[in-house]
C-alpha atoms as a PDB file:
ATOM      1  CA  GLN A   1     -54.144 -38.148 -77.128  1.00  0.00           C
ATOM      2  CA  PHE A   2     -54.568 -34.446 -77.908  1.00  0.00           C
ATOM      3  CA  TRP A   3     -51.718 -33.394 -75.613  1.00  0.00           C
ATOM      4  CA  VAL A   4     -49.484 -36.181 -76.956  1.00  0.00           C
ATOM      5  CA  THR A   5     -50.055 -34.834 -80.472  1.00  0.00           C
ATOM      6  CA  VAL A   6     -49.392 -31.262 -79.340  1.00  0.00           C
ATOM      7  CA  SER A   7     -46.203 -32.293 -77.557  1.00  0.00           C
ATOM      8  CA  GLY A   8     -44.997 -34.111 -80.692  1.00  0.00           C
ATOM      9  CA  VAL A   9     -45.585 -31.066 -82.877  1.00  0.00           C
ATOM     10  CA  LEU A  10     -43.890 -28.801 -80.329  1.00  0.00           C
ATOM     11  CA  PHE A  11     -40.911 -31.160 -80.186  1.00  0.00           C
ATOM     12  CA  ILE A  12     -40.510 -31.026 -83.983  1.00  0.00           C
ATOM     13  CA  ALA A  13     -40.818 -27.217 -83.943  1.00  0.00           C
ATOM     14  CA  ALA A  14     -38.291 -26.921 -81.088  1.00  0.00           C
ATOM     15  CA  ALA A  15     -35.830 -29.226 -82.856  1.00  0.00           C
ATOM     16  CA  THR A  16     -36.171 -27.202 -86.073  1.00  0.00           C
ATOM     17  CA  TRP A  17     -35.656 -23.929 -84.175  1.00  0.00           C
ATOM     18  CA  LEU A  18     -32.588 -25.364 -82.422  1.00  0.00           C
ATOM     19  CA  LEU A  19     -31.056 -26.465 -85.740  1.00  0.00           C
ATOM     20  CA  ILE A  20     -31.709 -23.008 -87.221  1.00  0.00           C
ATOM     21  CA  PHE A  21     -30.069 -21.401 -84.182  1.00  0.00           C
ATOM     22  CA  LEU A  22     -27.010 -23.652 -84.497  1.00  0.00           C
ATOM     23  CA  THR A  23     -26.774 -22.899 -88.221  1.00  0.00           C
ATOM     24  CA  SER A  24     -26.809 -19.144 -87.535  1.00  0.00           C
ATOM     25  CA  TRP A  25     -24.131 -19.565 -84.860  1.00  0.00           C
ATOM     26  CA  LEU A  26     -21.924 -21.593 -87.204  1.00  0.00           C
ATOM     27  CA  ALA A  27     -22.441 -19.041 -89.999  1.00  0.00           C
ATOM     28  CA  GLU A  28     -21.306 -16.251 -87.673  1.00  0.00           C
ATOM     29  CA  ARG A  29     -18.231 -18.258 -86.685  1.00  0.00           C
ATOM     30  CA  ALA A  30     -17.478 -18.897 -90.356  1.00  0.00           C
ATOM     31  CA  ARG A  31     -17.835 -15.186 -91.089  1.00  0.00           C
ATOM     32  CA  GLY A  32     -15.362 -14.317 -88.321  1.00  0.00           C
ATOM     33  CA  TRP A  33     -12.920 -16.929 -89.655  1.00  0.00           C
ATOM     34  CA  MET A  34     -13.155 -15.478 -93.174  1.00  0.00           C
ATOM     35  CA  VAL A  35     -12.643 -11.935 -91.877  1.00  0.00           C
ATOM     36  CA  ARG A  36      -9.526 -12.973 -89.928  1.00  0.00           C
ATOM     37  CA  ARG A  37      -8.077 -14.638 -93.020  1.00  0.00           C
ATOM     38  CA  GLY A  38      -8.920 -11.664 -95.216  1.00  0.00           C
ATOM     39  CA  LEU A  39     -11.169 -13.649 -97.554  1.00  0.00           C
ATOM     40  CA  ALA A  40     -13.513 -11.770 -99.856  1.00  0.00           C
ATOM     41  CA  GLY A  41     -17.226 -12.446 -99.549  1.00  0.00           C
ATOM     42  CA  ALA A  42     -17.102 -12.678 -95.745  1.00  0.00           C
ATOM     43  CA  ASP A  43     -20.623 -11.217 -95.582  1.00  0.00           C
ATOM     44  CA  SER A  44     -22.335 -12.693 -98.630  1.00  0.00           C
ATOM     45  CA  LEU A  45     -21.190 -16.331 -98.585  1.00  0.00           C
ATOM     46  CA  PRO A  46     -22.067 -17.209 -94.933  1.00  0.00           C
ATOM     47  CA  ARG A  47     -25.396 -15.398 -95.299  1.00  0.00           C
ATOM     48  CA  LEU A  48     -26.257 -17.381 -98.427  1.00  0.00           C
ATOM     49  CA  MET A  49     -25.253 -20.704 -96.900  1.00  0.00           C
ATOM     50  CA  ARG A  50     -27.213 -19.908 -93.735  1.00  0.00           C
ATOM     51  CA  GLY A  51     -30.338 -19.126 -95.754  1.00  0.00           C
ATOM     52  CA  VAL A  52     -30.076 -22.320 -97.794  1.00  0.00           C
ATOM     53  CA  VAL A  53     -29.466 -24.558 -94.760  1.00  0.00           C
ATOM     54  CA  ASN A  54     -32.250 -22.892 -92.751  1.00  0.00           C
ATOM     55  CA  ALA A  55     -34.664 -23.460 -95.636  1.00  0.00           C
ATOM     56  CA  LEU A  56     -33.688 -27.132 -95.642  1.00  0.00           C
ATOM     57  CA  TRP A  57     -34.276 -27.387 -91.883  1.00  0.00           C
ATOM     58  CA  ILE A  58     -37.707 -25.805 -92.208  1.00  0.00           C
ATOM     59  CA  PHE A  59     -38.607 -28.159 -95.060  1.00  0.00           C
ATOM     60  CA  ALA A  60     -37.388 -31.136 -93.022  1.00  0.00           C
ATOM     61  CA  GLY A  61     -39.513 -30.010 -90.061  1.00  0.00           C
ATOM     62  CA  PHE A  62     -42.567 -29.672 -92.297  1.00  0.00           C
ATOM     63  CA  VAL A  63     -42.014 -33.172 -93.728  1.00  0.00           C
ATOM     64  CA  ALA A  64     -41.519 -34.601 -90.233  1.00  0.00           C
ATOM     65  CA  THR A  65     -44.777 -32.972 -89.096  1.00  0.00           C
ATOM     66  CA  LEU A  66     -46.697 -34.486 -91.999  1.00  0.00           C
ATOM     67  CA  HIS A  67     -45.112 -37.868 -91.334  1.00  0.00           C
ATOM     68  CA  TYR A  68     -46.103 -37.563 -87.672  1.00  0.00           C
ATOM     69  CA  PHE A  69     -49.730 -37.250 -88.793  1.00  0.00           C
ATOM     70  CA  ASP A  70     -49.340 -40.356 -91.022  1.00  0.00           C
ATOM     71  CA  VAL A  71     -49.552 -38.425 -94.281  1.00  0.00           C
ATOM     72  CA  ASN A  72     -48.263 -40.434 -97.266  1.00  0.00           C
ATOM     73  CA  LEU A  73     -45.362 -38.389 -98.700  1.00  0.00           C
ATOM     74  CA  THR A  74     -44.263 -40.746-101.482  1.00  0.00           C
ATOM     75  CA  ALA A  75     -46.097 -38.929-104.275  1.00  0.00           C
ATOM     76  CA  ALA A  76     -45.182 -35.505-102.878  1.00  0.00           C
ATOM     77  CA  LEU A  77     -41.475 -36.357-102.627  1.00  0.00           C
ATOM     78  CA  ALA A  78     -41.492 -37.772-106.154  1.00  0.00           C
ATOM     79  CA  GLY A  79     -43.050 -34.552-107.414  1.00  0.00           C
ATOM     80  CA  LEU A  80     -40.477 -32.512-105.520  1.00  0.00           C
ATOM     81  CA  GLY A  81     -37.723 -34.560-107.139  1.00  0.00           C
ATOM     82  CA  VAL A  82     -39.006 -33.765-110.628  1.00  0.00           C
ATOM     83  CA  GLY A  83     -39.530 -30.137-109.654  1.00  0.00           C
ATOM     84  CA  GLY A  84     -36.009 -29.954-108.216  1.00  0.00           C
ATOM     85  CA  ILE A  85     -34.556 -31.162-111.510  1.00  0.00           C
ATOM     86  CA  ALA A  86     -36.533 -28.488-113.376  1.00  0.00           C
ATOM     87  CA  VAL A  87     -35.388 -25.772-110.969  1.00  0.00           C
ATOM     88  CA  ALA A  88     -31.772 -26.961-111.200  1.00  0.00           C
ATOM     89  CA  LEU A  89     -31.868 -26.803-115.004  1.00  0.00           C
ATOM     90  CA  ALA A  90     -33.439 -23.336-114.932  1.00  0.00           C
ATOM     91  CA  ALA A  91     -30.919 -22.022-112.397  1.00  0.00           C
ATOM     92  CA  GLN A  92     -27.878 -23.662-113.980  1.00  0.00           C
ATOM     93  CA  LYS A  93     -26.085 -20.397-114.755  1.00  0.00           C
ATOM     94  CA  THR A  94     -26.867 -18.957-111.340  1.00  0.00           C
ATOM     95  CA  LEU A  95     -25.529 -22.030-109.566  1.00  0.00           C
ATOM     96  CA  GLU A  96     -22.454 -21.963-111.807  1.00  0.00           C
ATOM     97  CA  ASN A  97     -21.750 -18.357-110.833  1.00  0.00           C
ATOM     98  CA  ILE A  98     -22.275 -19.065-107.114  1.00  0.00           C
ATOM     99  CA  ILE A  99     -19.941 -22.065-107.185  1.00  0.00           C
ATOM    100  CA  GLY A 100     -17.420 -20.016-109.174  1.00  0.00           C
ATOM    101  CA  GLY A 101     -17.612 -17.199-106.611  1.00  0.00           C
ATOM    102  CA  ALA A 102     -17.046 -19.639-103.743  1.00  0.00           C
ATOM    103  CA  SER A 103     -14.013 -21.107-105.525  1.00  0.00           C
ATOM    104  CA  LEU A 104     -12.588 -17.610-106.083  1.00  0.00           C
ATOM    105  CA  ILE A 105     -12.996 -16.792-102.403  1.00  0.00           C
ATOM    106  CA  PHE A 106     -11.442 -19.956-100.994  1.00  0.00           C
ATOM    107  CA  ASP A 107      -8.745 -20.421-103.658  1.00  0.00           C
ATOM    108  CA  LYS A 108      -7.721 -16.744-103.263  1.00  0.00           C
ATOM    109  CA  ALA A 109      -7.380 -16.472-107.033  1.00  0.00           C
ATOM    110  CA  MET A 110      -7.782 -12.700-106.679  1.00  0.00           C
ATOM    111  CA  LYS A 111      -8.305 -10.189-103.896  1.00  0.00           C
ATOM    112  CA  VAL A 112     -10.053  -6.859-103.595  1.00  0.00           C
ATOM    113  CA  GLY A 113      -7.641  -4.094-104.581  1.00  0.00           C
ATOM    114  CA  GLU A 114      -5.487  -6.269-106.845  1.00  0.00           C
ATOM    115  CA  PHE A 115      -4.543  -5.089-110.324  1.00  0.00           C
ATOM    116  CA  VAL A 116      -5.473  -7.966-112.618  1.00  0.00           C
ATOM    117  CA  LYS A 117      -5.815  -8.871-116.273  1.00  0.00           C
ATOM    118  CA  VAL A 118      -8.914 -10.924-117.085  1.00  0.00           C
ATOM    119  CA  GLY A 119      -8.834 -12.005-120.704  1.00  0.00           C
ATOM    120  CA  ASP A 120      -8.260  -8.750-122.596  1.00  0.00           C
ATOM    121  CA  THR A 121      -9.453  -6.526-119.726  1.00  0.00           C
ATOM    122  CA  VAL A 122      -7.066  -4.830-117.286  1.00  0.00           C
ATOM    123  CA  GLY A 123      -8.284  -3.205-114.098  1.00  0.00           C
ATOM    124  CA  THR A 124      -8.561  -3.180-110.310  1.00  0.00           C
ATOM    125  CA  VAL A 125     -10.800  -5.612-108.426  1.00  0.00           C
ATOM    126  CA  GLU A 126     -13.376  -3.665-106.417  1.00  0.00           C
ATOM    127  CA  GLN A 127     -15.711  -6.404-105.210  1.00  0.00           C
ATOM    128  CA  ILE A 128     -15.954 -10.192-105.336  1.00  0.00           C
ATOM    129  CA  GLY A 129     -19.573 -11.229-104.994  1.00  0.00           C
ATOM    130  CA  LEU A 130     -21.301 -14.570-105.174  1.00  0.00           C
ATOM    131  CA  ARG A 131     -22.660 -13.981-108.664  1.00  0.00           C
ATOM    132  CA  SER A 132     -20.150 -11.633-110.288  1.00  0.00           C
ATOM    133  CA  THR A 133     -16.856  -9.813-109.752  1.00  0.00           C
ATOM    134  CA  ARG A 134     -16.669  -6.042-110.217  1.00  0.00           C
ATOM    135  CA  ILE A 135     -13.536  -4.674-111.925  1.00  0.00           C
ATOM    136  CA  ARG A 136     -12.690  -0.991-112.387  1.00  0.00           C
ATOM    137  CA  THR A 137     -11.019  -0.713-115.809  1.00  0.00           C
ATOM    138  CA  LEU A 138      -8.317   1.761-116.850  1.00  0.00           C
ATOM    139  CA  ASP A 139     -10.862   4.061-118.507  1.00  0.00           C
ATOM    140  CA  ARG A 140     -12.714   4.160-115.120  1.00  0.00           C
ATOM    141  CA  SER A 141     -15.709   2.140-116.312  1.00  0.00           C
ATOM    142  CA  VAL A 142     -17.040  -0.733-114.199  1.00  0.00           C
ATOM    143  CA  LEU A 143     -16.970  -4.246-115.641  1.00  0.00           C
ATOM    144  CA  ARG A 144     -19.007  -7.004-113.997  1.00  0.00           C
ATOM    145  CA  VAL A 145     -17.717 -10.455-114.915  1.00  0.00           C
ATOM    146  CA  PRO A 146     -19.865 -13.498-113.994  1.00  0.00           C
ATOM    147  CA  ASN A 147     -17.883 -15.780-111.708  1.00  0.00           C
ATOM    148  CA  GLY A 148     -18.679 -18.757-113.903  1.00  0.00           C
ATOM    149  CA  GLN A 149     -16.740 -17.137-116.756  1.00  0.00           C
ATOM    150  CA  LEU A 150     -13.694 -16.465-114.584  1.00  0.00           C
ATOM    151  CA  SER A 151     -13.057 -20.208-114.335  1.00  0.00           C
ATOM    152  CA  SER A 152     -12.672 -20.482-118.126  1.00  0.00           C
ATOM    153  CA  VAL A 153     -10.608 -17.352-118.928  1.00  0.00           C
ATOM    154  CA  THR A 154      -6.976 -16.478-118.347  1.00  0.00           C
ATOM    155  CA  LEU A 155      -6.548 -14.668-115.037  1.00  0.00           C
ATOM    156  CA  GLU A 156      -3.283 -12.771-114.500  1.00  0.00           C
ATOM    157  CA  SER A 157      -2.540 -10.995-111.223  1.00  0.00           C
ATOM    158  CA  LEU A 158      -0.306  -8.045-112.072  1.00  0.00           C
ATOM    159  CA  SER A 159      -0.100  -6.970-108.416  1.00  0.00           C
ATOM    160  CA  ALA A 160       1.580 -10.268-107.495  1.00  0.00           C
ATOM    161  CA  ARG A 161       4.752  -9.413-109.442  1.00  0.00           C
ATOM    162  CA  ASP A 162       7.878  -9.461-107.313  1.00  0.00           C
ATOM    163  CA  LYS A 163       9.953  -7.665-109.992  1.00  0.00           C
ATOM    164  CA  PHE A 164       9.533  -5.927-113.348  1.00  0.00           C
ATOM    165  CA  TRP A 165      11.073  -6.936-116.648  1.00  0.00           C
ATOM    166  CA  LEU A 166      13.224  -4.220-118.212  1.00  0.00           C
ATOM    167  CA  HIS A 167      13.512  -5.075-121.907  1.00  0.00           C
ATOM    168  CA  PRO A 168      14.062  -2.049-124.155  1.00  0.00           C
ATOM    169  CA  ILE A 169      15.472  -2.192-127.682  1.00  0.00           C
ATOM    170  CA  ILE A 170      18.049   0.581-128.223  1.00  0.00           C
ATOM    171  CA  CYS A 171      18.631   1.648-131.827  1.00  0.00           C
ATOM    172  CA  LEU A 172      21.976   3.050-132.955  1.00  0.00           C
ATOM    173  CA  THR A 173      22.682   4.617-136.311  1.00  0.00           C
ATOM    174  CA  TYR A 174      24.582   2.626-138.921  1.00  0.00           C
ATOM    175  CA  LYS A 175      27.385   5.218-138.633  1.00  0.00           C
ATOM    176  CA  THR A 176      28.241   3.775-135.195  1.00  0.00           C
ATOM    177  CA  THR A 177      31.741   2.354-135.180  1.00  0.00           C
ATOM    178  CA  SER A 178      32.808  -0.841-133.456  1.00  0.00           C
ATOM    179  CA  PRO A 179      34.547   0.972-130.539  1.00  0.00           C
ATOM    180  CA  GLN A 180      31.475   3.163-130.060  1.00  0.00           C
ATOM    181  CA  MET A 181      29.253   0.098-130.057  1.00  0.00           C
ATOM    182  CA  GLN A 182      31.415  -1.586-127.420  1.00  0.00           C
ATOM    183  CA  ALA A 183      31.465   1.618-125.340  1.00  0.00           C
ATOM    184  CA  VAL A 184      27.649   1.795-125.408  1.00  0.00           C
ATOM    185  CA  LEU A 185      27.306  -1.871-124.403  1.00  0.00           C
ATOM    186  CA  ASP A 186      29.804  -1.519-121.546  1.00  0.00           C
ATOM    187  CA  GLY A 187      28.292   1.761-120.383  1.00  0.00           C
ATOM    188  CA  ILE A 188      24.740   0.378-120.179  1.00  0.00           C
ATOM    189  CA  ARG A 189      25.958  -2.757-118.420  1.00  0.00           C
ATOM    190  CA  LYS A 190      27.893  -0.713-115.821  1.00  0.00           C
ATOM    191  CA  LEU A 191      24.879   1.582-115.319  1.00  0.00           C
ATOM    192  CA  LEU A 192      22.669  -1.428-114.565  1.00  0.00           C
ATOM    193  CA  ASP A 193      25.272  -3.056-112.318  1.00  0.00           C
ATOM    194  CA  ARG A 194      25.553   0.100-110.202  1.00  0.00           C
ATOM    195  CA  SER A 195      21.807   0.332-109.620  1.00  0.00           C
ATOM    196  CA  PRO A 196      20.785  -1.433-106.361  1.00  0.00           C
ATOM    197  CA  ALA A 197      17.260  -2.023-107.689  1.00  0.00           C
ATOM    198  CA  VAL A 198      18.435  -4.084-110.669  1.00  0.00           C
ATOM    199  CA  GLU A 199      18.815  -7.819-110.143  1.00  0.00           C
ATOM    200  CA  ALA A 200      22.335  -9.158-110.556  1.00  0.00           C
ATOM    201  CA  GLY A 201      23.338 -10.442-113.979  1.00  0.00           C
ATOM    202  CA  PRO A 202      21.722  -8.038-116.481  1.00  0.00           C
ATOM    203  CA  ARG A 203      22.346  -8.851-120.133  1.00  0.00           C
ATOM    204  CA  VAL A 204      23.170  -6.226-122.758  1.00  0.00           C
ATOM    205  CA  ARG A 205      23.997  -7.430-126.265  1.00  0.00           C
ATOM    206  CA  PHE A 206      23.877  -6.616-129.940  1.00  0.00           C
ATOM    207  CA  LEU A 207      20.612  -8.062-131.247  1.00  0.00           C
ATOM    208  CA  ARG A 208      20.298  -7.577-135.006  1.00  0.00           C
ATOM    209  CA  PHE A 209      20.866  -5.455-138.062  1.00  0.00           C
ATOM    210  CA  GLY A 210      17.589  -3.549-138.234  1.00  0.00           C
ATOM    211  CA  PRO A 211      16.126  -1.920-141.352  1.00  0.00           C
ATOM    212  CA  TYR A 212      17.390   1.511-140.306  1.00  0.00           C
ATOM    213  CA  SER A 213      19.552   0.918-137.221  1.00  0.00           C
ATOM    214  CA  LEU A 214      21.820  -1.363-135.247  1.00  0.00           C
ATOM    215  CA  ASP A 215      19.619  -2.786-132.487  1.00  0.00           C
ATOM    216  CA  LEU A 216      20.794  -3.492-128.947  1.00  0.00           C
ATOM    217  CA  GLU A 217      18.806  -5.578-126.465  1.00  0.00           C
ATOM    218  CA  VAL A 218      18.689  -4.967-122.718  1.00  0.00           C
ATOM    219  CA  PHE A 219      17.414  -7.818-120.535  1.00  0.00           C
ATOM    220  CA  ALA A 220      17.179  -7.129-116.787  1.00  0.00           C
ATOM    221  CA  TYR A 221      14.819  -7.424-113.824  1.00  0.00           C
ATOM    222  CA  VAL A 222      14.085  -4.464-111.559  1.00  0.00           C
ATOM    223  CA  HIS A 223      12.878  -4.965-107.971  1.00  0.00           C
ATOM    224  CA  ALA A 224       9.872  -2.689-107.460  1.00  0.00           C
ATOM    225  CA  SER A 225       6.549  -2.915-105.653  1.00  0.00           C
ATOM    226  CA  ASP A 226       4.436  -1.221-108.332  1.00  0.00           C
ATOM    227  CA  TRP A 227       4.596   0.354-111.775  1.00  0.00           C
ATOM    228  CA  SER A 228       5.246   3.887-110.511  1.00  0.00           C
ATOM    229  CA  GLU A 229       8.290   2.782-108.520  1.00  0.00           C
ATOM    230  CA  PHE A 230       9.562   0.801-111.502  1.00  0.00           C
END
C-alpha cells in the first residue's frame, strides 16, 4: 500500500512536470511566431502566459494530490472561489491593462517606432508593454499610457500616411487686378502639375474676400514618406 501511494504521488508530479514542460515549449513557439510577424511584446506576453498557465498546472497537481488522499476539497474550493472574486476586483485595473496590451499587440494598432497621436499627445512609440505603452513626446519627455486607456482614446497613426495634404491659404492684396489674379491661379496650378510628387488633379481657386486680403485656396496631395520629405 505504501508503494502504491508513492507511485500515485509520483505519477501526479510527473504529469504536472510534463504539462509545465509542454507549456514552456508552446510559449517558446509562440514567441518565435510573434518575432517572425514583428509583433510587439514578443518577450513579455509569452512569458506572462507561461507563468499563469504553469501556476494553474501546479495548483491542479496540488488539488489532485489532496483528492488522491481523500481530502474533502468542497469547503476549500468554495473559499478559493470567494477569494478569487476578491482578487479579481482588486486587480481589475491591472487585468484591464494586460488585456488592453494583448489587444494592441495582436490587432497591430501601433508599432514600435511609429509616430502617433494619442488624444492630445504626439510622439514616437518606444515600447509596448503588457501594462503600459511608452511614448517619447516632441519635447523629449517620456509618457507612459496605461493600455486600458488606449482602448478608450482616439489613436491616430501619423506614420501610416501614404501622402500629405498641402492646403495653404495665399493672401493677395486688394490692389490685385483680375488679370493678375488669374495669372497667379494659373501659375500655381501649372507649378503643381509639373511636380511629379503632387497627385494629379490639384485644385487652386479663389476662396473669399478676407478682412485685409483676397484669399486663394490650394488643395493638393503630395506623395512623401515622412514630414521632412514633404
